PDB file of all heavy atoms in Angstrom:
ATOM      1  N   GLY A   1      85.455 100.509  21.231  1.00  0.00           N
ATOM      2  CA  GLY A   1      84.070 100.360  21.599  1.00  0.00           C
ATOM      3  C   GLY A   1      83.081 100.318  20.444  1.00  0.00           C
ATOM      4  O   GLY A   1      83.261 101.038  19.418  1.00  0.00           O
ATOM      5  N   GLY A   2      82.068  99.451  20.507  1.00  0.00           N
ATOM      6  CA  GLY A   2      81.023  99.423  19.602  1.00  0.00           C
ATOM      7  C   GLY A   2      80.117 100.645  19.674  1.00  0.00           C
ATOM      8  O   GLY A   2      80.412 101.572  20.413  1.00  0.00           O
ATOM      9  N   GLY A   3      79.052 100.610  18.992  1.00  0.00           N
ATOM     10  CA  GLY A   3      78.169 101.798  18.845  1.00  0.00           C
ATOM     11  C   GLY A   3      77.230 101.979  19.986  1.00  0.00           C
ATOM     12  O   GLY A   3      76.763 101.073  20.647  1.00  0.00           O
ATOM     13  N   ALA A   4      76.837 103.264  20.171  1.00  0.00           N
ATOM     14  CA  ALA A   4      75.744 103.620  21.041  1.00  0.00           C
ATOM     15  C   ALA A   4      74.566 103.829  20.170  1.00  0.00           C
ATOM     16  O   ALA A   4      74.575 104.478  19.149  1.00  0.00           O
ATOM     17  CB  ALA A   4      75.994 104.947  21.800  1.00  0.00           C
ATOM     18  N   GLN A   5      73.384 103.221  20.567  1.00  0.00           N
ATOM     19  CA  GLN A   5      72.181 103.368  19.650  1.00  0.00           C
ATOM     20  C   GLN A   5      71.774 104.797  19.554  1.00  0.00           C
ATOM     21  O   GLN A   5      71.475 105.337  18.528  1.00  0.00           O
ATOM     22  CB  GLN A   5      71.026 102.480  20.251  1.00  0.00           C
ATOM     23  CG  GLN A   5      71.286 100.993  20.159  1.00  0.00           C
ATOM     24  CD  GLN A   5      70.129 100.171  20.768  1.00  0.00           C
ATOM     25  OE1 GLN A   5      69.677 100.500  21.892  1.00  0.00           O
ATOM     26  NE2 GLN A   5      69.762  99.162  20.038  1.00  0.00           N
ATOM     27  N   VAL A   6      71.885 105.536  20.768  1.00  0.00           N
ATOM     28  CA  VAL A   6      71.647 106.989  20.710  1.00  0.00           C
ATOM     29  C   VAL A   6      72.787 107.565  21.616  1.00  0.00           C
ATOM     30  O   VAL A   6      72.978 107.158  22.791  1.00  0.00           O
ATOM     31  CB  VAL A   6      70.287 107.341  21.288  1.00  0.00           C
ATOM     32  CG1 VAL A   6      70.062 108.896  21.196  1.00  0.00           C
ATOM     33  CG2 VAL A   6      69.186 106.605  20.592  1.00  0.00           C
ATOM     34  N   PHE A   7      73.401 108.597  21.072  1.00  0.00           N
ATOM     35  CA  PHE A   7      74.544 109.310  21.805  1.00  0.00           C
ATOM     36  C   PHE A   7      74.246 110.763  21.868  1.00  0.00           C
ATOM     37  O   PHE A   7      74.040 111.324  20.795  1.00  0.00           O
ATOM     38  CB  PHE A   7      75.952 109.019  21.161  1.00  0.00           C
ATOM     39  CG  PHE A   7      77.025 109.652  21.830  1.00  0.00           C
ATOM     40  CD1 PHE A   7      77.634 109.042  22.982  1.00  0.00           C
ATOM     41  CD2 PHE A   7      77.582 110.848  21.425  1.00  0.00           C
ATOM     42  CE1 PHE A   7      78.718 109.667  23.641  1.00  0.00           C
ATOM     43  CE2 PHE A   7      78.589 111.465  22.092  1.00  0.00           C
ATOM     44  CZ  PHE A   7      79.148 110.866  23.189  1.00  0.00           C
ATOM     45  N   ALA A   8      74.214 111.338  23.084  1.00  0.00           N
ATOM     46  CA  ALA A   8      73.873 112.734  23.189  1.00  0.00           C
ATOM     47  C   ALA A   8      74.828 113.485  24.104  1.00  0.00           C
ATOM     48  O   ALA A   8      75.346 112.934  25.052  1.00  0.00           O
ATOM     49  CB  ALA A   8      72.412 112.832  23.742  1.00  0.00           C
ATOM     50  N   THR A   9      75.018 114.781  23.823  1.00  0.00           N
ATOM     51  CA  THR A   9      75.884 115.631  24.665  1.00  0.00           C
ATOM     52  C   THR A   9      75.133 116.964  25.008  1.00  0.00           C
ATOM     53  O   THR A   9      75.339 118.009  24.372  1.00  0.00           O
ATOM     54  CB  THR A   9      77.189 115.981  23.885  1.00  0.00           C
ATOM     55  OG1 THR A   9      76.846 116.521  22.597  1.00  0.00           O
ATOM     56  CG2 THR A   9      78.059 114.757  23.696  1.00  0.00           C
ATOM     57  N   PRO A  10      74.240 116.822  25.977  1.00  0.00           N
ATOM     58  CA  PRO A  10      73.436 118.069  26.301  1.00  0.00           C
ATOM     59  C   PRO A  10      74.373 119.169  26.779  1.00  0.00           C
ATOM     60  O   PRO A  10      75.335 118.922  27.484  1.00  0.00           O
ATOM     61  CB  PRO A  10      72.514 117.502  27.379  1.00  0.00           C
ATOM     62  CG  PRO A  10      73.280 116.293  28.014  1.00  0.00           C
ATOM     63  CD  PRO A  10      73.966 115.667  26.818  1.00  0.00           C
ATOM     64  N   ALA A  11      73.956 120.456  26.461  1.00  0.00           N
ATOM     65  CA  ALA A  11      74.694 121.574  26.818  1.00  0.00           C
ATOM     66  C   ALA A  11      74.076 122.330  28.043  1.00  0.00           C
ATOM     67  O   ALA A  11      74.585 123.387  28.401  1.00  0.00           O
ATOM     68  CB  ALA A  11      74.894 122.455  25.736  1.00  0.00           C
ATOM     69  N   SER A  12      72.983 121.822  28.641  1.00  0.00           N
ATOM     70  CA  SER A  12      72.335 122.459  29.738  1.00  0.00           C
ATOM     71  C   SER A  12      71.536 121.402  30.479  1.00  0.00           C
ATOM     72  O   SER A  12      71.236 120.311  29.955  1.00  0.00           O
ATOM     73  CB  SER A  12      71.421 123.638  29.173  1.00  0.00           C
ATOM     74  OG  SER A  12      70.275 123.043  28.464  1.00  0.00           O
ATOM     75  N   GLU A  13      71.122 121.795  31.662  1.00  0.00           N
ATOM     76  CA  GLU A  13      70.232 120.877  32.446  1.00  0.00           C
ATOM     77  C   GLU A  13      68.880 120.672  31.761  1.00  0.00           C
ATOM     78  O   GLU A  13      68.283 119.612  31.839  1.00  0.00           O
ATOM     79  CB  GLU A  13      70.056 121.367  33.849  1.00  0.00           C
ATOM     80  CG  GLU A  13      71.375 121.297  34.709  1.00  0.00           C
ATOM     81  CD  GLU A  13      71.191 121.716  36.131  1.00  0.00           C
ATOM     82  OE1 GLU A  13      70.097 122.272  36.413  1.00  0.00           O
ATOM     83  OE2 GLU A  13      72.100 121.473  36.934  1.00  0.00           O
ATOM     84  N   GLY A  14      68.474 121.761  31.083  1.00  0.00           N
ATOM     85  CA  GLY A  14      67.234 121.614  30.278  1.00  0.00           C
ATOM     86  C   GLY A  14      67.279 120.599  29.228  1.00  0.00           C
ATOM     87  O   GLY A  14      66.314 119.763  29.029  1.00  0.00           O
ATOM     88  N   GLU A  15      68.408 120.572  28.476  1.00  0.00           N
ATOM     89  CA  GLU A  15      68.547 119.578  27.359  1.00  0.00           C
ATOM     90  C   GLU A  15      68.716 118.186  27.993  1.00  0.00           C
ATOM     91  O   GLU A  15      68.240 117.233  27.455  1.00  0.00           O
ATOM     92  CB  GLU A  15      69.800 119.962  26.549  1.00  0.00           C
ATOM     93  CG  GLU A  15      69.620 121.202  25.698  1.00  0.00           C
ATOM     94  CD  GLU A  15      70.795 121.514  24.873  1.00  0.00           C
ATOM     95  OE1 GLU A  15      71.767 120.614  24.749  1.00  0.00           O
ATOM     96  OE2 GLU A  15      70.787 122.583  24.149  1.00  0.00           O
ATOM     97  N   LEU A  16      69.403 118.092  29.177  1.00  0.00           N
ATOM     98  CA  LEU A  16      69.492 116.856  29.832  1.00  0.00           C
ATOM     99  C   LEU A  16      68.106 116.297  30.181  1.00  0.00           C
ATOM    100  O   LEU A  16      67.863 115.125  29.986  1.00  0.00           O
ATOM    101  CB  LEU A  16      70.368 116.998  31.093  1.00  0.00           C
ATOM    102  CG  LEU A  16      70.497 115.840  32.021  1.00  0.00           C
ATOM    103  CD1 LEU A  16      71.209 114.687  31.350  1.00  0.00           C
ATOM    104  CD2 LEU A  16      71.203 116.207  33.290  1.00  0.00           C
ATOM    105  N   GLU A  17      67.264 117.133  30.729  1.00  0.00           N
ATOM    106  CA  GLU A  17      65.903 116.744  31.141  1.00  0.00           C
ATOM    107  C   GLU A  17      65.099 116.194  29.889  1.00  0.00           C
ATOM    108  O   GLU A  17      64.449 115.254  30.016  1.00  0.00           O
ATOM    109  CB  GLU A  17      65.164 117.883  31.811  1.00  0.00           C
ATOM    110  CG  GLU A  17      65.569 118.202  33.218  1.00  0.00           C
ATOM    111  CD  GLU A  17      65.486 116.938  34.090  1.00  0.00           C
ATOM    112  OE1 GLU A  17      64.371 116.302  34.095  1.00  0.00           O
ATOM    113  OE2 GLU A  17      66.452 116.598  34.736  1.00  0.00           O
ATOM    114  N   ALA A  18      65.250 116.918  28.779  1.00  0.00           N
ATOM    115  CA  ALA A  18      64.458 116.523  27.608  1.00  0.00           C
ATOM    116  C   ALA A  18      64.915 115.095  27.183  1.00  0.00           C
ATOM    117  O   ALA A  18      64.035 114.302  26.781  1.00  0.00           O
ATOM    118  CB  ALA A  18      64.685 117.507  26.500  1.00  0.00           C
ATOM    119  N   LEU A  19      66.154 114.832  27.237  1.00  0.00           N
ATOM    120  CA  LEU A  19      66.666 113.499  26.878  1.00  0.00           C
ATOM    121  C   LEU A  19      66.170 112.405  27.790  1.00  0.00           C
ATOM    122  O   LEU A  19      65.712 111.335  27.449  1.00  0.00           O
ATOM    123  CB  LEU A  19      68.182 113.497  26.782  1.00  0.00           C
ATOM    124  CG  LEU A  19      68.903 114.324  25.760  1.00  0.00           C
ATOM    125  CD1 LEU A  19      70.324 114.548  26.123  1.00  0.00           C
ATOM    126  CD2 LEU A  19      68.838 113.434  24.432  1.00  0.00           C
ATOM    127  N   LEU A  20      66.198 112.698  29.099  1.00  0.00           N
ATOM    128  CA  LEU A  20      65.818 111.701  30.096  1.00  0.00           C
ATOM    129  C   LEU A  20      64.344 111.464  30.061  1.00  0.00           C
ATOM    130  O   LEU A  20      63.874 110.324  30.284  1.00  0.00           O
ATOM    131  CB  LEU A  20      66.275 112.232  31.479  1.00  0.00           C
ATOM    132  CG  LEU A  20      67.786 112.254  31.761  1.00  0.00           C
ATOM    133  CD1 LEU A  20      68.099 112.944  33.050  1.00  0.00           C
ATOM    134  CD2 LEU A  20      68.377 110.875  31.717  1.00  0.00           C
ATOM    135  N   GLN A  21      63.595 112.461  29.766  1.00  0.00           N
ATOM    136  CA  GLN A  21      62.100 112.292  29.703  1.00  0.00           C
ATOM    137  C   GLN A  21      61.762 111.377  28.544  1.00  0.00           C
ATOM    138  O   GLN A  21      60.857 110.595  28.649  1.00  0.00           O
ATOM    139  CB  GLN A  21      61.442 113.681  29.645  1.00  0.00           C
ATOM    140  CG  GLN A  21      61.438 114.458  30.929  1.00  0.00           C
ATOM    141  CD  GLN A  21      60.979 115.887  30.776  1.00  0.00           C
ATOM    142  OE1 GLN A  21      60.388 116.208  29.793  1.00  0.00           O
ATOM    143  NE2 GLN A  21      61.282 116.705  31.791  1.00  0.00           N
ATOM    144  N   LYS A  22      62.386 111.624  27.444  1.00  0.00           N
ATOM    145  CA  LYS A  22      62.086 110.794  26.214  1.00  0.00           C
ATOM    146  C   LYS A  22      62.517 109.281  26.471  1.00  0.00           C
ATOM    147  O   LYS A  22      61.789 108.372  26.137  1.00  0.00           O
ATOM    148  CB  LYS A  22      62.728 111.333  25.018  1.00  0.00           C
ATOM    149  CG  LYS A  22      62.062 112.574  24.455  1.00  0.00           C
ATOM    150  CD  LYS A  22      62.777 113.129  23.211  1.00  0.00           C
ATOM    151  CE  LYS A  22      62.133 114.319  22.678  1.00  0.00           C
ATOM    152  NZ  LYS A  22      60.839 114.023  21.964  1.00  0.00           N
ATOM    153  N   ALA A  23      63.690 109.125  27.170  1.00  0.00           N
ATOM    154  CA  ALA A  23      64.116 107.812  27.445  1.00  0.00           C
ATOM    155  C   ALA A  23      63.158 107.089  28.420  1.00  0.00           C
ATOM    156  O   ALA A  23      62.872 105.931  28.238  1.00  0.00           O
ATOM    157  CB  ALA A  23      65.525 107.831  28.042  1.00  0.00           C
ATOM    158  N   LYS A  24      62.690 107.858  29.367  1.00  0.00           N
ATOM    159  CA  LYS A  24      61.730 107.250  30.345  1.00  0.00           C
ATOM    160  C   LYS A  24      60.439 106.940  29.690  1.00  0.00           C
ATOM    161  O   LYS A  24      59.897 105.817  29.922  1.00  0.00           O
ATOM    162  CB  LYS A  24      61.529 108.253  31.497  1.00  0.00           C
ATOM    163  CG  LYS A  24      60.575 107.728  32.633  1.00  0.00           C
ATOM    164  CD  LYS A  24      60.454 108.703  33.692  1.00  0.00           C
ATOM    165  CE  LYS A  24      59.539 108.145  34.875  1.00  0.00           C
ATOM    166  NZ  LYS A  24      59.445 109.118  36.002  1.00  0.00           N
ATOM    167  N   LEU A  25      59.935 107.735  28.832  1.00  0.00           N
ATOM    168  CA  LEU A  25      58.731 107.512  28.110  1.00  0.00           C
ATOM    169  C   LEU A  25      58.771 106.236  27.257  1.00  0.00           C
ATOM    170  O   LEU A  25      57.750 105.531  27.231  1.00  0.00           O
ATOM    171  CB  LEU A  25      58.388 108.711  27.194  1.00  0.00           C
ATOM    172  CG  LEU A  25      57.126 108.607  26.409  1.00  0.00           C
ATOM    173  CD1 LEU A  25      55.869 108.594  27.320  1.00  0.00           C
ATOM    174  CD2 LEU A  25      56.982 109.839  25.479  1.00  0.00           C
ATOM    175  N   HIS A  26      59.918 105.991  26.743  1.00  0.00           N
ATOM    176  CA  HIS A  26      60.048 104.807  25.821  1.00  0.00           C
ATOM    177  C   HIS A  26      60.787 103.600  26.540  1.00  0.00           C
ATOM    178  O   HIS A  26      61.206 102.628  25.825  1.00  0.00           O
ATOM    179  CB  HIS A  26      60.740 105.206  24.546  1.00  0.00           C
ATOM    180  CG  HIS A  26      59.976 106.188  23.701  1.00  0.00           C
ATOM    181  ND1 HIS A  26      58.928 105.800  22.883  1.00  0.00           N
ATOM    182  CD2 HIS A  26      59.976 107.527  23.701  1.00  0.00           C
ATOM    183  CE1 HIS A  26      58.455 106.874  22.277  1.00  0.00           C
ATOM    184  NE2 HIS A  26      59.015 107.964  22.693  1.00  0.00           N
ATOM    185  N   ASN A  27      61.007 103.720  27.806  1.00  0.00           N
ATOM    186  CA  ASN A  27      61.548 102.684  28.652  1.00  0.00           C
ATOM    187  C   ASN A  27      62.918 102.268  28.059  1.00  0.00           C
ATOM    188  O   ASN A  27      63.208 101.039  27.999  1.00  0.00           O
ATOM    189  CB  ASN A  27      60.619 101.471  28.668  1.00  0.00           C
ATOM    190  CG  ASN A  27      60.948 100.530  29.772  1.00  0.00           C
ATOM    191  OD1 ASN A  27      61.396 100.941  30.842  1.00  0.00           O
ATOM    192  ND2 ASN A  27      60.726  99.211  29.554  1.00  0.00           N
ATOM    193  N   LEU A  28      63.762 103.213  27.841  1.00  0.00           N
ATOM    194  CA  LEU A  28      65.094 102.980  27.301  1.00  0.00           C
ATOM    195  C   LEU A  28      66.164 103.053  28.402  1.00  0.00           C
ATOM    196  O   LEU A  28      66.101 103.891  29.290  1.00  0.00           O
ATOM    197  CB  LEU A  28      65.497 104.005  26.217  1.00  0.00           C
ATOM    198  CG  LEU A  28      64.678 104.052  24.966  1.00  0.00           C
ATOM    199  CD1 LEU A  28      65.125 105.160  24.048  1.00  0.00           C
ATOM    200  CD2 LEU A  28      64.795 102.666  24.189  1.00  0.00           C
ATOM    201  N   PRO A  29      67.146 102.134  28.379  1.00  0.00           N
ATOM    202  CA  PRO A  29      68.223 102.256  29.373  1.00  0.00           C
ATOM    203  C   PRO A  29      69.026 103.497  29.109  1.00  0.00           C
ATOM    204  O   PRO A  29      69.262 103.958  27.920  1.00  0.00           O
ATOM    205  CB  PRO A  29      69.033 100.940  29.126  1.00  0.00           C
ATOM    206  CG  PRO A  29      68.696 100.551  27.722  1.00  0.00           C
ATOM    207  CD  PRO A  29      67.285 100.999  27.467  1.00  0.00           C
ATOM    208  N   VAL A  30      69.602 104.067  30.208  1.00  0.00           N
ATOM    209  CA  VAL A  30      70.356 105.309  30.004  1.00  0.00           C
ATOM    210  C   VAL A  30      71.755 105.025  30.710  1.00  0.00           C
ATOM    211  O   VAL A  30      71.873 104.560  31.812  1.00  0.00           O
ATOM    212  CB  VAL A  30      69.696 106.468  30.751  1.00  0.00           C
ATOM    213  CG1 VAL A  30      70.585 107.742  30.642  1.00  0.00           C
ATOM    214  CG2 VAL A  30      68.318 106.795  30.125  1.00  0.00           C
ATOM    215  N   THR A  31      72.822 105.395  29.997  1.00  0.00           N
ATOM    216  CA  THR A  31      74.175 105.279  30.499  1.00  0.00           C
ATOM    217  C   THR A  31      74.782 106.770  30.491  1.00  0.00           C
ATOM    218  O   THR A  31      74.729 107.407  29.514  1.00  0.00           O
ATOM    219  CB  THR A  31      75.026 104.396  29.595  1.00  0.00           C
ATOM    220  OG1 THR A  31      74.455 103.128  29.518  1.00  0.00           O
ATOM    221  CG2 THR A  31      76.427 104.297  30.180  1.00  0.00           C
ATOM    222  N   ILE A  32      75.298 107.120  31.645  1.00  0.00           N
ATOM    223  CA  ILE A  32      75.923 108.410  31.810  1.00  0.00           C
ATOM    224  C   ILE A  32      77.485 108.342  31.735  1.00  0.00           C
ATOM    225  O   ILE A  32      78.024 107.517  32.493  1.00  0.00           O
ATOM    226  CB  ILE A  32      75.456 109.103  33.116  1.00  0.00           C
ATOM    227  CG1 ILE A  32      73.945 109.163  33.221  1.00  0.00           C
ATOM    228  CG2 ILE A  32      76.037 110.503  33.216  1.00  0.00           C
ATOM    229  CD1 ILE A  32      73.266 109.946  32.140  1.00  0.00           C
ATOM    230  N   LEU A  33      78.066 109.141  31.013  1.00  0.00           N
ATOM    231  CA  LEU A  33      79.519 109.192  30.904  1.00  0.00           C
ATOM    232  C   LEU A  33      80.007 110.664  31.095  1.00  0.00           C
ATOM    233  O   LEU A  33      79.301 111.625  30.832  1.00  0.00           O
ATOM    234  CB  LEU A  33      80.044 108.769  29.453  1.00  0.00           C
ATOM    235  CG  LEU A  33      79.645 107.293  29.065  1.00  0.00           C
ATOM    236  CD1 LEU A  33      80.178 107.079  27.659  1.00  0.00           C
ATOM    237  CD2 LEU A  33      80.274 106.303  30.032  1.00  0.00           C
ATOM    238  N   GLY A  34      81.281 110.741  31.604  1.00  0.00           N
ATOM    239  CA  GLY A  34      82.005 111.996  31.556  1.00  0.00           C
ATOM    240  C   GLY A  34      82.885 112.032  30.296  1.00  0.00           C
ATOM    241  O   GLY A  34      82.345 111.901  29.173  1.00  0.00           O
ATOM    242  N   ASN A  35      84.162 112.195  30.506  1.00  0.00           N
ATOM    243  CA  ASN A  35      85.051 112.172  29.339  1.00  0.00           C
ATOM    244  C   ASN A  35      85.399 110.777  28.876  1.00  0.00           C
ATOM    245  O   ASN A  35      86.197 110.638  27.954  1.00  0.00           O
ATOM    246  CB  ASN A  35      86.287 113.032  29.666  1.00  0.00           C
ATOM    247  CG  ASN A  35      87.096 113.376  28.380  1.00  0.00           C
ATOM    248  OD1 ASN A  35      86.532 113.832  27.479  1.00  0.00           O
ATOM    249  ND2 ASN A  35      88.451 113.152  28.430  1.00  0.00           N
ATOM    250  N   ALA A  36      84.901 109.800  29.596  1.00  0.00           N
ATOM    251  CA  ALA A  36      85.209 108.387  29.258  1.00  0.00           C
ATOM    252  C   ALA A  36      86.689 108.026  29.223  1.00  0.00           C
ATOM    253  O   ALA A  36      87.153 107.318  28.365  1.00  0.00           O
ATOM    254  CB  ALA A  36      84.521 107.982  27.903  1.00  0.00           C
ATOM    255  N   SER A  37      87.414 108.597  30.135  1.00  0.00           N
ATOM    256  CA  SER A  37      88.869 108.358  30.193  1.00  0.00           C
ATOM    257  C   SER A  37      89.246 107.162  31.006  1.00  0.00           C
ATOM    258  O   SER A  37      90.388 106.778  31.021  1.00  0.00           O
ATOM    259  CB  SER A  37      89.570 109.579  30.769  1.00  0.00           C
ATOM    260  OG  SER A  37      89.100 109.904  32.092  1.00  0.00           O
ATOM    261  N   ASN A  38      88.315 106.535  31.731  1.00  0.00           N
ATOM    262  CA  ASN A  38      88.628 105.262  32.440  1.00  0.00           C
ATOM    263  C   ASN A  38      87.623 104.233  32.078  1.00  0.00           C
ATOM    264  O   ASN A  38      87.248 103.412  32.924  1.00  0.00           O
ATOM    265  CB  ASN A  38      88.590 105.538  34.007  1.00  0.00           C
ATOM    266  CG  ASN A  38      87.177 105.819  34.463  1.00  0.00           C
ATOM    267  OD1 ASN A  38      86.442 106.400  33.794  1.00  0.00           O
ATOM    268  ND2 ASN A  38      86.935 105.311  35.743  1.00  0.00           N
ATOM    269  N   ILE A  39      87.119 104.330  30.809  1.00  0.00           N
ATOM    270  CA  ILE A  39      86.031 103.431  30.366  1.00  0.00           C
ATOM    271  C   ILE A  39      86.489 102.546  29.232  1.00  0.00           C
ATOM    272  O   ILE A  39      87.209 102.892  28.320  1.00  0.00           O
ATOM    273  CB  ILE A  39      84.815 104.300  29.851  1.00  0.00           C
ATOM    274  CG1 ILE A  39      84.291 105.191  30.944  1.00  0.00           C
ATOM    275  CG2 ILE A  39      83.736 103.393  29.247  1.00  0.00           C
ATOM    276  CD1 ILE A  39      83.556 104.472  32.029  1.00  0.00           C
ATOM    277  N   LEU A  40      86.044 101.247  29.329  1.00  0.00           N
ATOM    278  CA  LEU A  40      86.189 100.332  28.232  1.00  0.00           C
ATOM    279  C   LEU A  40      84.842  99.927  27.778  1.00  0.00           C
ATOM    280  O   LEU A  40      84.027  99.354  28.593  1.00  0.00           O
ATOM    281  CB  LEU A  40      87.016  99.079  28.636  1.00  0.00           C
ATOM    282  CG  LEU A  40      87.140  97.968  27.590  1.00  0.00           C
ATOM    283  CD1 LEU A  40      87.937  98.466  26.424  1.00  0.00           C
ATOM    284  CD2 LEU A  40      87.765  96.725  28.185  1.00  0.00           C
ATOM    285  N   VAL A  41      84.447 100.239  26.524  1.00  0.00           N
ATOM    286  CA  VAL A  41      83.165  99.813  26.013  1.00  0.00           C
ATOM    287  C   VAL A  41      83.349  98.516  25.180  1.00  0.00           C
ATOM    288  O   VAL A  41      84.166  98.505  24.352  1.00  0.00           O
ATOM    289  CB  VAL A  41      82.594 100.951  25.085  1.00  0.00           C
ATOM    290  CG1 VAL A  41      81.280 100.502  24.446  1.00  0.00           C
ATOM    291  CG2 VAL A  41      82.377 102.249  25.909  1.00  0.00           C
ATOM    292  N   ARG A  42      82.535  97.571  25.485  1.00  0.00           N
ATOM    293  CA  ARG A  42      82.604  96.268  24.809  1.00  0.00           C
ATOM    294  C   ARG A  42      82.275  96.443  23.348  1.00  0.00           C
ATOM    295  O   ARG A  42      81.693  97.438  22.901  1.00  0.00           O
ATOM    296  CB  ARG A  42      81.602  95.267  25.481  1.00  0.00           C
ATOM    297  CG  ARG A  42      81.985  94.948  26.921  1.00  0.00           C
ATOM    298  CD  ARG A  42      81.018  93.906  27.482  1.00  0.00           C
ATOM    299  NE  ARG A  42      81.196  93.564  28.871  1.00  0.00           N
ATOM    300  CZ  ARG A  42      82.040  92.655  29.304  1.00  0.00           C
ATOM    301  NH1 ARG A  42      82.726  91.916  28.459  1.00  0.00           N
ATOM    302  NH2 ARG A  42      82.189  92.424  30.599  1.00  0.00           N
TER     303      ARG A  42
END
């Protein structure tokens, strides 16, 4: 897989919220992954 422009691993719902709020403010697409064990990234 190629690169993620921004890659984050929040450790709490609070950290998750902070990430999502910034993405929304700047109109950035958001992709959610788990352990990515059934994922192929182009």
